[in-house]
Amino acid sequence: QVQLVESGGGLVQAGGSLRLSCAASGRTFSNYIMGWFRQAPGKEREFVAGIKRSGGLTYYIDSVKSRFTISRDNAKNTVYLQMNSLKSEDTAVYYCAADAFSPVIRTTPSVYEYWGQGTQVTVSS
């Protein structure tokens, strides 16, 4: 079992920045590929970014490339999502998730075994 707790969400003006954190407890954090997802009202949950176990490889959806940065600190059992140049369309509940078994970063939510409770990000225009 892995427990994930997100923090760092809030209300920000368009063009602003937020840094989300996801603290993990339980099993060895470095065993998991970590992903950030988001879900806006009335929409399906969407993959945003992922990072491999060592942190050496990352993957982003096109709409956040060059604006968002995912990183992890395995010593602190934490994964981060730095979000810059935020847009109104980034408004959503953001979730972190852990995948124990995949050899590569996957974008399908059902692949991830563990999820946090989510943190709300609201970008005002």
C-alpha atoms as a PDB file:
ATOM      1  CA  GLN A   1       0.000   0.000   0.000  1.00  0.00           C
ATOM      2  CA  VAL A   2       1.067   3.526  -0.799  1.00  0.00           C
ATOM      3  CA  GLN A   3      -0.644   6.576   0.612  1.00  0.00           C
ATOM      4  CA  LEU A   4      -0.459   9.765  -1.428  1.00  0.00           C
ATOM      5  CA  VAL A   5      -1.309  13.250  -0.183  1.00  0.00           C
ATOM      6  CA  GLU A   6      -1.329  16.258  -2.509  1.00  0.00           C
ATOM      7  CA  SER A   7      -0.908  19.864  -1.458  1.00  0.00           C
ATOM      8  CA  GLY A   8      -0.210  23.235  -2.982  1.00  0.00           C
ATOM      9  CA  GLY A   9      -3.368  23.906  -4.927  1.00  0.00           C
ATOM     10  CA  GLY A  10      -5.228  27.186  -4.780  1.00  0.00           C
ATOM     11  CA  LEU A  11      -6.530  30.189  -6.653  1.00  0.00           C
ATOM     12  CA  VAL A  12      -4.149  32.026  -8.967  1.00  0.00           C
ATOM     13  CA  GLN A  13      -4.482  34.592 -11.716  1.00  0.00           C
ATOM     14  CA  ALA A  14      -3.763  33.675 -15.300  1.00  0.00           C
ATOM     15  CA  GLY A  15      -0.034  33.863 -15.949  1.00  0.00           C
ATOM     16  CA  GLY A  16       0.785  32.959 -12.373  1.00  0.00           C
ATOM     17  CA  SER A  17       2.490  29.922 -10.902  1.00  0.00           C
ATOM     18  CA  LEU A  18       1.768  27.160  -8.424  1.00  0.00           C
ATOM     19  CA  ARG A  19       3.818  24.264  -7.149  1.00  0.00           C
ATOM     20  CA  LEU A  20       1.993  21.072  -6.283  1.00  0.00           C
ATOM     21  CA  SER A  21       3.509  18.479  -3.985  1.00  0.00           C
ATOM     22  CA  CYS A  22       2.572  14.862  -3.453  1.00  0.00           C
ATOM     23  CA  ALA A  23       3.944  13.155  -0.362  1.00  0.00           C
ATOM     24  CA  ALA A  24       4.047   9.373  -0.343  1.00  0.00           C
ATOM     25  CA  SER A  25       4.162   6.972   2.555  1.00  0.00           C
ATOM     26  CA  GLY A  26       4.120   3.225   2.779  1.00  0.00           C
ATOM     27  CA  ARG A  27       6.196   1.191   0.387  1.00  0.00           C
ATOM     28  CA  THR A  28       9.429   2.254  -1.269  1.00  0.00           C
ATOM     29  CA  PHE A  29       8.680   5.404  -3.221  1.00  0.00           C
ATOM     30  CA  SER A  30      11.426   4.847  -5.775  1.00  0.00           C
ATOM     31  CA  ASN A  31       9.698   1.646  -6.934  1.00  0.00           C
ATOM     32  CA  TYR A  32       6.928   3.672  -8.548  1.00  0.00           C
ATOM     33  CA  ILE A  33       6.505   5.639 -11.712  1.00  0.00           C
ATOM     34  CA  MET A  34       4.630   8.763 -10.640  1.00  0.00           C
ATOM     35  CA  GLY A  35       2.061  10.668 -12.608  1.00  0.00           C
ATOM     36  CA  TRP A  36       0.043  13.839 -12.297  1.00  0.00           C
ATOM     37  CA  PHE A  37      -3.498  13.849 -13.651  1.00  0.00           C
ATOM     38  CA  ARG A  38      -6.246  16.433 -13.660  1.00  0.00           C
ATOM     39  CA  GLN A  39      -9.993  16.437 -13.953  1.00  0.00           C
ATOM     40  CA  ALA A  40     -12.099  19.442 -14.821  1.00  0.00           C
ATOM     41  CA  PRO A  41     -15.864  19.514 -14.158  1.00  0.00           C
ATOM     42  CA  GLY A  42     -17.737  17.416 -16.691  1.00  0.00           C
ATOM     43  CA  LYS A  43     -14.542  16.055 -18.230  1.00  0.00           C
ATOM     44  CA  GLU A  44     -12.630  12.813 -17.986  1.00  0.00           C
ATOM     45  CA  ARG A  45      -9.506  12.508 -15.909  1.00  0.00           C
ATOM     46  CA  GLU A  46      -6.528  13.545 -18.035  1.00  0.00           C
ATOM     47  CA  PHE A  47      -2.849  12.644 -17.809  1.00  0.00           C
ATOM     48  CA  VAL A  48      -0.665  15.729 -17.373  1.00  0.00           C
ATOM     49  CA  ALA A  49       2.882  14.565 -16.661  1.00  0.00           C
ATOM     50  CA  GLY A  50       4.821  11.515 -15.566  1.00  0.00           C
ATOM     51  CA  ILE A  51       8.260  10.721 -14.230  1.00  0.00           C
ATOM     52  CA  LYS A  52      10.175   7.481 -14.129  1.00  0.00           C
ATOM     53  CA  ARG A  53      11.420   5.841 -10.968  1.00  0.00           C
ATOM     54  CA  SER A  54      14.891   7.396 -11.013  1.00  0.00           C
ATOM     55  CA  GLY A  55      13.600  10.763 -12.153  1.00  0.00           C
ATOM     56  CA  GLY A  56      15.727  10.615 -15.268  1.00  0.00           C
ATOM     57  CA  LEU A  57      12.878  10.609 -17.759  1.00  0.00           C
ATOM     58  CA  THR A  58       9.727  12.680 -17.897  1.00  0.00           C
ATOM     59  CA  TYR A  59       6.752  12.967 -20.228  1.00  0.00           C
ATOM     60  CA  TYR A  60       4.169  15.723 -20.686  1.00  0.00           C
ATOM     61  CA  ILE A  61       1.037  16.289 -22.662  1.00  0.00           C
ATOM     62  CA  ASP A  62       1.489  18.900 -25.368  1.00  0.00           C
ATOM     63  CA  SER A  63      -0.695  21.517 -23.727  1.00  0.00           C
ATOM     64  CA  VAL A  64       1.604  21.835 -20.684  1.00  0.00           C
ATOM     65  CA  LYS A  65       5.021  21.345 -22.274  1.00  0.00           C
ATOM     66  CA  SER A  66       7.380  24.256 -21.512  1.00  0.00           C
ATOM     67  CA  ARG A  67       4.990  25.471 -18.786  1.00  0.00           C
ATOM     68  CA  PHE A  68       4.902  22.567 -16.313  1.00  0.00           C
ATOM     69  CA  THR A  69       7.804  20.640 -14.799  1.00  0.00           C
ATOM     70  CA  ILE A  70       7.500  17.359 -12.945  1.00  0.00           C
ATOM     71  CA  SER A  71      10.261  16.317 -10.565  1.00  0.00           C
ATOM     72  CA  ARG A  72      10.766  13.939  -7.681  1.00  0.00           C
ATOM     73  CA  ASP A  73      12.899  13.653  -4.587  1.00  0.00           C
ATOM     74  CA  ASN A  74      13.133   9.977  -3.677  1.00  0.00           C
ATOM     75  CA  ALA A  75      14.873  10.809  -0.402  1.00  0.00           C
ATOM     76  CA  LYS A  76      11.826  12.854   0.624  1.00  0.00           C
ATOM     77  CA  ASN A  77       9.258  10.499  -0.943  1.00  0.00           C
ATOM     78  CA  THR A  78       7.778  13.439  -2.797  1.00  0.00           C
ATOM     79  CA  VAL A  79       6.859  14.286  -6.363  1.00  0.00           C
ATOM     80  CA  TYR A  80       6.304  17.857  -7.507  1.00  0.00           C
ATOM     81  CA  LEU A  81       4.547  19.650 -10.317  1.00  0.00           C
ATOM     82  CA  GLN A  82       5.768  23.176 -10.963  1.00  0.00           C
ATOM     83  CA  MET A  83       3.154  24.993 -13.000  1.00  0.00           C
ATOM     84  CA  ASN A  84       4.040  28.291 -14.661  1.00  0.00           C
ATOM     85  CA  SER A  85       2.173  30.568 -17.064  1.00  0.00           C
ATOM     86  CA  LEU A  86      -1.098  29.128 -15.872  1.00  0.00           C
ATOM     87  CA  LYS A  87      -4.165  29.447 -18.069  1.00  0.00           C
ATOM     88  CA  SER A  88      -7.853  29.275 -17.270  1.00  0.00           C
ATOM     89  CA  GLU A  89      -8.020  25.920 -19.033  1.00  0.00           C
ATOM     90  CA  ASP A  90      -5.628  24.502 -16.433  1.00  0.00           C
ATOM     91  CA  THR A  91      -8.401  24.792 -13.841  1.00  0.00           C
ATOM     92  CA  ALA A  92      -9.097  21.324 -12.461  1.00  0.00           C
ATOM     93  CA  VAL A  93      -8.619  19.007  -9.532  1.00  0.00           C
ATOM     94  CA  TYR A  94      -5.079  17.679  -9.740  1.00  0.00           C
ATOM     95  CA  TYR A  95      -4.223  14.167  -8.606  1.00  0.00           C
ATOM     96  CA  CYS A  96      -0.963  12.345  -8.174  1.00  0.00           C
ATOM     97  CA  ALA A  97      -0.826   8.632  -8.837  1.00  0.00           C
ATOM     98  CA  ALA A  98       1.639   5.764  -8.514  1.00  0.00           C
ATOM     99  CA  ASP A  99       2.301   2.932 -10.948  1.00  0.00           C
ATOM    100  CA  ALA A 100       4.292  -0.022  -9.663  1.00  0.00           C
ATOM    101  CA  PHE A 101       4.405  -2.328 -12.667  1.00  0.00           C
ATOM    102  CA  SER A 102       4.814  -0.474 -15.937  1.00  0.00           C
ATOM    103  CA  PRO A 103       8.298  -0.251 -17.504  1.00  0.00           C
ATOM    104  CA  VAL A 104       7.410   3.048 -19.159  1.00  0.00           C
ATOM    105  CA  ILE A 105       5.345   6.110 -18.299  1.00  0.00           C
ATOM    106  CA  ARG A 106       1.719   5.382 -19.087  1.00  0.00           C
ATOM    107  CA  THR A 107      -1.023   7.927 -19.664  1.00  0.00           C
ATOM    108  CA  THR A 108      -4.021   5.697 -18.903  1.00  0.00           C
ATOM    109  CA  PRO A 109      -5.471   6.313 -15.425  1.00  0.00           C
ATOM    110  CA  SER A 110      -6.448   2.673 -14.882  1.00  0.00           C
ATOM    111  CA  VAL A 111      -2.786   1.637 -14.982  1.00  0.00           C
ATOM    112  CA  TYR A 112      -2.025   3.540 -11.778  1.00  0.00           C
ATOM    113  CA  GLU A 113      -2.684   1.583  -8.619  1.00  0.00           C
ATOM    114  CA  TYR A 114      -2.652   4.344  -6.023  1.00  0.00           C
ATOM    115  CA  TRP A 115      -4.160   7.828  -6.012  1.00  0.00           C
ATOM    116  CA  GLY A 116      -4.194  10.864  -3.809  1.00  0.00           C
ATOM    117  CA  GLN A 117      -7.337  12.714  -2.808  1.00  0.00           C
ATOM    118  CA  GLY A 118      -6.710  15.593  -5.193  1.00  0.00           C
ATOM    119  CA  THR A 119      -6.037  19.298  -4.831  1.00  0.00           C
ATOM    120  CA  GLN A 120      -8.027  22.049  -6.526  1.00  0.00           C
ATOM    121  CA  VAL A 121      -6.291  24.444  -8.890  1.00  0.00           C
ATOM    122  CA  THR A 122      -8.340  27.417 -10.047  1.00  0.00           C
ATOM    123  CA  VAL A 123      -6.953  29.895 -12.554  1.00  0.00           C
ATOM    124  CA  SER A 124      -8.861  33.134 -12.905  1.00  0.00           C
ATOM    125  CA  SER A 125      -8.734  35.027 -16.168  1.00  0.00           C
END
